[in-house]
Amino acid sequence: MPPSKERSAWLITLAAAAILMVTMGARQSLGLFISPLKSSTGLGITTISLAFAIAQLMWGVIQPVSGAVADRYGPAKILIAGLVVLAIGMALTPFMTSGFGLIVSLGVLSAVGSGAGSFSVLIGAASQHLTTDKRGKAAGIINAGGSLGQFVFAPVAQTLIQMLGWMGAMWSLAVITVGALPLVGVVSPAGPVRGGAVAVGSAPWQAVQDAIEDRSYLLLHAGFFTCGFHIAFLVTHLPGEVNLCGLPPAVASWSLALIGLANIVGSLIAGWCTQRFRSKYILAAMYGSRALLIGWYLLEPRTKWTFYGFAVGLGLTWLATVPPTATIVGKLFGIRYLSTLFGLTLLSHQIGGFLGAYLGGLALVRFGDYQWMWYADMALAAAAAVINLPIREARIAPVTSPA
């Protein structure tokens, strides 16, 4: 690749990371609004958890749809629509006083908007401009942008809630989201892009059909399902867990921020590792480490330092699963329909997310704590580690230095 085109490709990657910083940062901070929502609206935790669970599901449902639109028409239109819809959803939330209204604003609009401006479209857009050996690294950088958003937005959102009230904080996040619109022109510049060989089918639906018949693709989905369960449970109910332990809300916001900060490191390491190790082994190691970390957490006293240590450990693999997962999809099927096929994988992730968010609320109502959810989370993480091992993936070619 000529140096000028390579510089342009990395500029696109950085702009994509910045957009993800906004969409993921806003989305991953919404758990901080559960307590004030409950106090302000009088809605029960089960109703609010259902709205957040539907948000997890809708974020996943929109992934293959937005990916297919981006593959067909380019990413610009879908990214603009996503940012605008996300802002509208957050701006409307303070006016919603019923469970149905909350489902519409947070469960559908905000989720669809953030999903349209998320991994499948952004990683697909950058991959079109990069050679095969650079795509995993680019995915890691874009993913790190989302983690930086969580690190920045969590304490900012908590501060805004304290200063402006939860309604003012929600409106402020909507304004910040609209401010990301100029970045769309950088991610989707005018002119031709690199075309990848069409590895499967001659149309998106044929590509999807062929992919679904591939056992490795289904195993990848199964592992990513458990990842979604894990992340949605924690991002939705970690503030509630902190409250059950008698600790101040700041512990929850800083724990979420530390998860995001650690995941910047984890994402960059994951992107680097995809160039040197088979991605299925990277995923198995990540999921296995989660099971061990949850076991450690359950044995420790619930102090703020336990939460901070737990957050850093989780953060190293939090969404660092995205680069190796996207890499495997690209290896199996090429990049022509990467946004569509990776979008379907993200849908599996969010079906798990729906269960993690909703069952967490039910467990709290039924048992008064999250103990059984922690056990389920640990078992699923261990299962995901095993599920990834049989995936068909070519060995990494050894890197040779020029003579």
Protein backbone atom coordinates (compact mmCIF):
# COMPACT_ATOMS: atom_id res chain seq x y z
CA MET A 1 0.00 0.00 0.00
CA PRO A 2 1.41 3.45 -0.91
CA PRO A 3 2.36 5.56 2.15
CA SER A 4 -0.32 8.19 1.40
CA LYS A 5 -3.08 5.58 1.26
CA GLU A 6 -1.79 3.90 4.39
CA ARG A 7 -1.86 7.22 6.27
CA SER A 8 -5.41 7.79 5.04
CA ALA A 9 -6.42 4.31 6.19
CA TRP A 10 -5.09 4.89 9.69
CA LEU A 11 -6.81 8.31 9.82
CA ILE A 12 -10.08 6.53 8.99
CA THR A 13 -9.33 4.02 11.74
CA LEU A 14 -8.77 6.77 14.32
CA ALA A 15 -11.96 8.58 13.28
CA ALA A 16 -13.88 5.31 13.59
CA ALA A 17 -12.40 4.85 17.08
CA ALA A 18 -13.56 8.37 18.00
CA ILE A 19 -17.13 7.68 16.87
CA LEU A 20 -17.16 4.43 18.84
CA MET A 21 -15.84 6.35 21.85
CA VAL A 22 -19.02 8.44 21.78
CA THR A 23 -21.59 5.74 20.98
CA MET A 24 -20.15 3.14 23.38
CA GLY A 25 -19.27 5.67 26.06
CA ALA A 26 -22.86 6.94 26.18
CA ARG A 27 -24.34 3.44 26.01
CA GLN A 28 -22.10 1.85 28.64
CA SER A 29 -22.78 4.68 31.11
CA LEU A 30 -26.56 4.30 31.12
CA GLY A 31 -26.46 1.84 34.02
CA LEU A 32 -25.62 4.82 36.25
CA PHE A 33 -29.11 6.19 35.55
CA ILE A 34 -30.99 3.15 36.91
CA SER A 35 -31.15 4.36 40.53
CA PRO A 36 -32.27 7.92 39.71
CA LEU A 37 -34.73 6.57 37.14
CA LYS A 38 -36.23 4.31 39.78
CA SER A 39 -36.54 7.15 42.29
CA SER A 40 -37.89 9.67 39.80
CA THR A 41 -40.39 7.52 37.90
CA GLY A 42 -41.42 5.07 40.62
CA LEU A 43 -40.88 2.20 38.22
CA GLY A 44 -39.65 -1.06 39.72
CA ILE A 45 -36.22 -2.55 39.08
CA THR A 46 -37.81 -5.37 37.04
CA THR A 47 -39.45 -2.90 34.64
CA ILE A 48 -36.27 -0.85 34.27
CA SER A 49 -34.19 -4.00 33.81
CA LEU A 50 -36.58 -5.10 31.05
CA ALA A 51 -36.04 -1.80 29.22
CA PHE A 52 -32.27 -2.20 29.53
CA ALA A 53 -32.51 -5.84 28.44
CA ILE A 54 -34.49 -4.88 25.34
CA ALA A 55 -31.81 -2.27 24.67
CA GLN A 56 -29.20 -5.02 24.71
CA LEU A 57 -31.25 -7.05 22.26
CA MET A 58 -32.05 -4.16 19.92
CA TRP A 59 -28.39 -3.10 19.86
CA GLY A 60 -27.66 -6.57 18.52
CA VAL A 61 -30.63 -6.75 16.13
CA ILE A 62 -29.53 -3.58 14.34
CA GLN A 63 -25.95 -4.83 13.85
CA PRO A 64 -26.49 -7.12 10.82
CA VAL A 65 -29.06 -4.71 9.38
CA SER A 66 -26.76 -1.69 9.62
CA GLY A 67 -23.87 -3.86 8.43
CA ALA A 68 -25.79 -4.94 5.34
CA VAL A 69 -26.75 -1.32 4.57
CA ALA A 70 -23.13 -0.24 4.98
CA ASP A 71 -21.92 -3.09 2.74
CA ARG A 72 -24.42 -2.05 0.07
CA TYR A 73 -24.44 1.76 0.23
CA GLY A 74 -21.38 2.71 2.29
CA PRO A 75 -21.14 3.56 6.00
CA ALA A 76 -21.87 7.33 5.91
CA LYS A 77 -25.68 7.24 5.83
CA ILE A 78 -26.03 4.59 8.51
CA LEU A 79 -23.54 6.35 10.83
CA ILE A 80 -25.33 9.70 10.53
CA ALA A 81 -28.69 8.06 11.18
CA GLY A 82 -27.26 6.16 14.15
CA LEU A 83 -25.84 9.24 15.90
CA VAL A 84 -29.03 11.23 15.37
CA VAL A 85 -31.32 8.44 16.60
CA LEU A 86 -29.09 7.84 19.64
CA ALA A 87 -29.30 11.53 20.55
CA ILE A 88 -33.09 11.56 20.09
CA GLY A 89 -33.51 8.48 22.29
CA MET A 90 -31.51 10.01 25.15
CA ALA A 91 -33.20 13.40 24.77
CA LEU A 92 -36.67 11.81 25.04
CA THR A 93 -35.89 9.60 28.07
CA PRO A 94 -36.50 12.29 30.74
CA PHE A 95 -40.06 12.69 29.41
CA MET A 96 -40.88 8.99 29.80
CA THR A 97 -42.76 8.06 32.97
CA SER A 98 -43.98 4.57 32.05
CA GLY A 99 -42.29 1.26 31.37
CA PHE A 100 -43.44 1.36 27.74
CA GLY A 101 -42.04 4.87 27.27
CA LEU A 102 -38.70 3.82 28.73
CA ILE A 103 -38.61 0.82 26.40
CA VAL A 104 -39.19 3.13 23.42
CA SER A 105 -36.58 5.74 24.34
CA LEU A 106 -33.81 3.65 25.91
CA GLY A 107 -34.77 0.14 24.83
CA VAL A 108 -35.29 0.93 21.14
CA LEU A 109 -34.19 4.39 19.98
CA SER A 110 -30.98 4.77 21.98
CA ALA A 111 -30.02 1.14 21.41
CA VAL A 112 -30.68 1.20 17.67
CA GLY A 113 -28.79 4.47 17.33
CA SER A 114 -25.72 3.31 19.24
CA GLY A 115 -25.79 -0.04 17.45
CA ALA A 116 -25.85 1.59 14.02
CA GLY A 117 -22.71 3.51 14.97
CA SER A 118 -20.90 0.54 16.43
CA PHE A 119 -18.45 -2.26 15.73
CA SER A 120 -19.85 -3.94 12.63
CA VAL A 121 -20.06 -0.77 10.53
CA LEU A 122 -16.92 0.92 11.86
CA ILE A 123 -14.62 -2.12 11.69
CA GLY A 124 -16.03 -3.00 8.27
CA ALA A 125 -15.40 0.55 7.03
CA ALA A 126 -11.78 0.57 8.17
CA SER A 127 -11.10 -2.97 6.90
CA GLN A 128 -11.99 -1.94 3.35
CA HIS A 129 -8.95 0.36 3.35
CA LEU A 130 -6.41 -1.98 4.98
CA THR A 131 -4.42 -5.03 3.98
CA THR A 132 -5.17 -8.34 5.67
CA ASP A 133 -2.26 -8.17 8.12
CA LYS A 134 -3.34 -4.73 9.40
CA ARG A 135 -7.03 -5.44 10.02
CA GLY A 136 -6.68 -7.07 13.43
CA LYS A 137 -4.56 -4.18 14.69
CA ALA A 138 -7.07 -1.67 13.31
CA ALA A 139 -9.93 -3.52 15.00
CA GLY A 140 -8.00 -3.31 18.26
CA ILE A 141 -7.56 0.46 17.88
CA ILE A 142 -11.24 1.00 17.06
CA ASN A 143 -12.22 -1.19 19.99
CA ALA A 144 -9.90 0.80 22.25
CA GLY A 145 -11.83 3.90 21.24
CA GLY A 146 -15.00 2.37 22.65
CA SER A 147 -13.16 1.53 25.86
CA LEU A 148 -11.81 5.07 26.12
CA GLY A 149 -15.40 6.25 25.82
CA GLN A 150 -16.41 4.13 28.79
CA PHE A 151 -13.46 5.44 30.82
CA VAL A 152 -14.32 9.06 30.00
CA PHE A 153 -18.11 8.94 29.99
CA ALA A 154 -18.70 6.99 33.22
CA PRO A 155 -17.24 9.59 35.63
CA VAL A 156 -18.49 12.45 33.43
CA ALA A 157 -22.03 11.06 33.48
CA GLN A 158 -21.89 10.56 37.26
CA THR A 159 -20.65 14.13 37.72
CA LEU A 160 -23.37 15.49 35.44
CA ILE A 161 -26.01 13.56 37.39
CA GLN A 162 -24.77 15.14 40.61
CA MET A 163 -24.54 18.65 39.13
CA LEU A 164 -27.54 18.79 36.77
CA GLY A 165 -29.74 15.92 37.93
CA TRP A 166 -30.27 12.80 35.86
CA MET A 167 -32.44 14.61 33.31
CA GLY A 168 -29.87 17.31 32.64
CA ALA A 169 -27.17 14.66 32.43
CA MET A 170 -29.17 12.70 29.85
CA TRP A 171 -29.72 15.81 27.71
CA SER A 172 -26.01 16.63 27.96
CA LEU A 173 -25.10 13.19 26.61
CA ALA A 174 -27.48 13.76 23.70
CA VAL A 175 -25.69 17.00 22.80
CA ILE A 176 -22.29 15.31 22.98
CA THR A 177 -23.51 12.58 20.65
CA VAL A 178 -24.58 15.08 17.97
CA GLY A 179 -21.11 16.61 18.22
CA ALA A 180 -19.61 13.44 16.70
CA LEU A 181 -21.35 13.92 13.34
CA PRO A 182 -18.40 15.67 11.59
CA LEU A 183 -16.30 12.51 12.06
CA VAL A 184 -18.55 10.59 9.69
CA GLY A 185 -17.01 12.35 6.69
CA VAL A 186 -13.59 11.10 7.73
CA VAL A 187 -14.70 7.49 8.21
CA SER A 188 -16.50 7.41 4.87
CA PRO A 189 -14.46 9.55 2.43
CA ALA A 190 -15.51 9.99 -1.16
CA GLY A 191 -13.78 7.82 -3.73
CA PRO A 192 -13.06 4.12 -4.27
CA VAL A 193 -11.93 1.77 -1.52
CA ARG A 194 -10.00 -1.44 -1.56
CA GLY A 195 -12.15 -4.35 -2.61
CA GLY A 196 -11.75 -7.71 -0.98
CA ALA A 197 -12.28 -10.99 -2.74
CA VAL A 198 -15.81 -12.26 -2.27
CA ALA A 199 -15.21 -15.42 -0.36
CA VAL A 200 -18.80 -16.52 -0.05
CA GLY A 201 -21.81 -16.02 -2.24
CA SER A 202 -22.63 -13.25 -4.68
CA ALA A 203 -25.11 -11.44 -2.46
CA PRO A 204 -25.42 -10.67 1.28
CA TRP A 205 -28.13 -13.26 1.94
CA GLN A 206 -26.19 -15.96 0.10
CA ALA A 207 -23.14 -15.05 2.17
CA VAL A 208 -25.23 -15.34 5.34
CA GLN A 209 -26.64 -18.71 4.31
CA ASP A 210 -23.19 -20.12 3.57
CA ALA A 211 -21.81 -18.76 6.85
CA ILE A 212 -24.62 -20.27 8.95
CA GLU A 213 -23.82 -23.68 7.49
CA ASP A 214 -20.23 -23.38 8.73
CA ARG A 215 -19.70 -25.10 12.11
CA SER A 216 -16.87 -22.76 13.07
CA TYR A 217 -19.08 -19.71 12.56
CA LEU A 218 -21.73 -21.21 14.83
CA LEU A 219 -19.17 -22.01 17.53
CA LEU A 220 -17.95 -18.43 17.33
CA HIS A 221 -21.54 -17.27 17.86
CA ALA A 222 -21.95 -19.54 20.89
CA GLY A 223 -18.84 -18.16 22.57
CA PHE A 224 -19.81 -14.57 21.81
CA PHE A 225 -23.29 -15.21 23.25
CA THR A 226 -21.72 -15.89 26.66
CA CYS A 227 -19.58 -12.77 26.29
CA GLY A 228 -22.73 -10.70 25.85
CA PHE A 229 -24.38 -12.27 28.89
CA HIS A 230 -21.34 -11.43 30.97
CA ILE A 231 -20.91 -7.82 29.83
CA ALA A 232 -24.59 -6.84 29.91
CA PHE A 233 -25.08 -8.27 33.39
CA LEU A 234 -22.14 -6.30 34.71
CA VAL A 235 -22.68 -3.00 32.91
CA THR A 236 -26.36 -2.99 33.97
CA HIS A 237 -26.13 -4.33 37.51
CA LEU A 238 -22.66 -3.44 38.78
CA PRO A 239 -24.04 -0.19 40.29
CA GLY A 240 -26.68 -2.29 42.07
CA GLU A 241 -24.04 -4.72 43.34
CA VAL A 242 -22.01 -1.81 44.70
CA ASN A 243 -25.12 -0.47 46.45
CA LEU A 244 -25.85 -3.88 48.01
CA CYS A 245 -22.35 -3.82 49.48
CA GLY A 246 -23.06 -0.47 51.17
CA LEU A 247 -20.54 1.45 49.08
CA PRO A 248 -21.09 4.92 47.55
CA PRO A 249 -22.20 5.34 43.90
CA ALA A 250 -18.79 6.76 42.99
CA VAL A 251 -17.34 3.26 43.40
CA ALA A 252 -19.60 2.04 40.61
CA SER A 253 -18.78 4.90 38.24
CA TRP A 254 -15.05 4.56 38.84
CA SER A 255 -15.26 0.79 38.46
CA LEU A 256 -16.91 1.23 35.05
CA ALA A 257 -14.27 3.82 34.18
CA LEU A 258 -11.45 1.46 35.19
CA ILE A 259 -12.99 -1.30 33.06
CA GLY A 260 -12.87 1.07 30.10
CA LEU A 261 -9.32 2.21 30.83
CA ALA A 262 -8.02 -1.35 31.21
CA ASN A 263 -9.82 -2.40 28.05
CA ILE A 264 -7.89 0.19 26.05
CA VAL A 265 -4.78 -1.78 26.94
CA GLY A 266 -6.56 -5.10 26.45
CA SER A 267 -7.91 -4.12 23.03
CA LEU A 268 -4.53 -2.97 21.74
CA ILE A 269 -2.89 -6.14 23.05
CA ALA A 270 -5.64 -8.26 21.45
CA GLY A 271 -5.15 -6.50 18.11
CA TRP A 272 -1.40 -7.10 18.32
CA CYS A 273 -1.90 -10.75 19.29
CA THR A 274 -4.10 -11.47 16.26
CA GLN A 275 -1.03 -10.91 14.10
CA ARG A 276 0.98 -13.50 16.04
CA PHE A 277 -1.41 -16.08 17.50
CA ARG A 278 -4.52 -17.83 16.28
CA SER A 279 -7.53 -15.82 17.39
CA LYS A 280 -9.44 -18.83 18.72
CA TYR A 281 -6.73 -19.38 21.33
CA ILE A 282 -6.81 -15.70 22.27
CA LEU A 283 -10.57 -15.94 22.83
CA ALA A 284 -10.27 -19.15 24.86
CA ALA A 285 -7.69 -17.52 27.13
CA MET A 286 -9.85 -14.43 27.61
CA TYR A 287 -13.01 -16.34 28.53
CA GLY A 288 -11.11 -18.68 30.83
CA SER A 289 -9.56 -15.73 32.66
CA ARG A 290 -13.04 -14.31 33.29
CA ALA A 291 -14.19 -17.47 35.01
CA LEU A 292 -11.15 -17.38 37.29
CA LEU A 293 -11.58 -13.68 38.03
CA ILE A 294 -15.24 -14.08 39.04
CA GLY A 295 -14.22 -16.92 41.36
CA TRP A 296 -11.64 -14.62 42.94
CA TYR A 297 -14.21 -11.84 43.35
CA LEU A 298 -16.68 -14.13 45.12
CA LEU A 299 -14.03 -15.10 47.67
CA GLU A 300 -12.88 -11.55 48.46
CA PRO A 301 -14.38 -9.05 50.95
CA ARG A 302 -16.53 -6.48 49.13
CA THR A 303 -14.45 -3.32 49.55
CA LYS A 304 -13.91 -0.56 47.03
CA TRP A 305 -10.43 -1.93 46.31
CA THR A 306 -11.91 -5.34 45.52
CA PHE A 307 -14.22 -3.68 43.01
CA TYR A 308 -11.39 -1.66 41.49
CA GLY A 309 -9.14 -4.72 41.19
CA PHE A 310 -12.02 -6.72 39.72
CA ALA A 311 -12.71 -3.89 37.25
CA VAL A 312 -9.12 -3.76 36.03
CA GLY A 313 -8.99 -7.53 35.61
CA LEU A 314 -12.30 -7.55 33.72
CA GLY A 315 -11.28 -4.59 31.62
CA LEU A 316 -8.32 -6.39 30.10
CA THR A 317 -10.76 -8.72 28.28
CA TRP A 318 -14.00 -6.69 28.46
CA LEU A 319 -14.53 -5.93 24.77
CA ALA A 320 -11.07 -7.06 23.73
CA THR A 321 -12.89 -10.14 22.40
CA VAL A 322 -14.03 -8.05 19.43
CA PRO A 323 -10.72 -7.89 17.44
CA PRO A 324 -10.07 -11.66 17.46
CA THR A 325 -13.75 -12.40 16.77
CA ALA A 326 -13.84 -10.01 13.80
CA THR A 327 -10.51 -11.43 12.62
CA ILE A 328 -11.89 -14.98 12.57
CA VAL A 329 -14.96 -13.86 10.59
CA GLY A 330 -12.69 -12.11 8.08
CA LYS A 331 -10.46 -15.18 7.77
CA LEU A 332 -13.37 -17.51 7.22
CA PHE A 333 -15.37 -15.43 4.74
CA GLY A 334 -13.33 -12.46 3.49
CA ILE A 335 -14.18 -8.78 3.93
CA ARG A 336 -16.79 -8.19 1.22
CA TYR A 337 -19.65 -8.83 3.65
CA LEU A 338 -17.69 -8.48 6.88
CA SER A 339 -20.06 -5.85 8.31
CA THR A 340 -23.05 -8.12 7.71
CA LEU A 341 -21.52 -11.36 9.00
CA PHE A 342 -19.81 -9.78 11.99
CA GLY A 343 -23.08 -7.96 12.66
CA LEU A 344 -24.83 -11.32 12.99
CA THR A 345 -22.14 -12.42 15.45
CA LEU A 346 -22.83 -9.28 17.47
CA LEU A 347 -26.53 -10.16 17.42
CA SER A 348 -25.68 -13.44 19.19
CA HIS A 349 -23.64 -11.40 21.66
CA GLN A 350 -26.65 -9.22 22.41
CA ILE A 351 -29.11 -12.09 22.78
CA GLY A 352 -26.83 -13.14 25.61
CA GLY A 353 -26.83 -9.50 26.71
CA PHE A 354 -30.63 -9.45 26.90
CA LEU A 355 -30.59 -12.45 29.23
CA GLY A 356 -27.75 -11.04 31.33
CA ALA A 357 -29.49 -7.69 31.89
CA TYR A 358 -33.01 -9.05 32.44
CA LEU A 359 -32.18 -12.11 34.52
CA GLY A 360 -30.00 -9.94 36.73
CA GLY A 361 -33.07 -7.87 37.63
CA LEU A 362 -35.19 -10.96 38.22
CA ALA A 363 -32.49 -12.50 40.43
CA LEU A 364 -32.33 -9.37 42.56
CA VAL A 365 -36.11 -9.35 43.05
CA ARG A 366 -36.30 -13.10 43.73
CA PHE A 367 -33.23 -13.62 45.92
CA GLY A 368 -32.30 -10.13 47.10
CA ASP A 369 -28.82 -10.30 45.61
CA TYR A 370 -26.89 -11.40 42.49
CA GLN A 371 -25.19 -14.52 43.89
CA TRP A 372 -26.75 -17.01 41.49
CA MET A 373 -26.03 -14.70 38.55
CA TRP A 374 -22.35 -14.71 39.47
CA TYR A 375 -22.34 -18.52 39.47
CA ALA A 376 -24.07 -18.63 36.07
CA ASP A 377 -21.69 -16.03 34.70
CA MET A 378 -18.64 -18.01 35.82
CA ALA A 379 -19.97 -21.26 34.33
CA LEU A 380 -20.76 -19.62 30.99
CA ALA A 381 -17.32 -18.02 30.80
CA ALA A 382 -15.68 -21.41 31.34
CA ALA A 383 -17.92 -22.96 28.67
CA ALA A 384 -17.02 -20.21 26.19
CA ALA A 385 -13.32 -20.94 26.67
CA VAL A 386 -13.87 -24.54 25.62
CA ILE A 387 -16.29 -23.76 22.78
CA ASN A 388 -13.76 -21.67 20.89
CA LEU A 389 -11.06 -24.35 20.67
CA PRO A 390 -12.57 -26.44 17.80
CA ILE A 391 -13.01 -23.40 15.52
CA ARG A 392 -11.38 -23.86 12.12
CA GLU A 393 -8.65 -21.27 11.75
CA ALA A 394 -5.49 -21.30 9.68
CA ARG A 395 -2.16 -21.07 11.44
CA ILE A 396 -0.45 -17.69 11.57
CA ALA A 397 2.25 -17.41 8.92
CA PRO A 398 5.66 -16.75 10.50
CA VAL A 399 6.88 -13.17 10.19
CA THR A 400 10.08 -12.99 8.20
CA SER A 401 12.36 -10.01 8.15
CA PRO A 402 13.46 -8.65 4.77
CA ALA A 403 16.84 -9.81 3.57
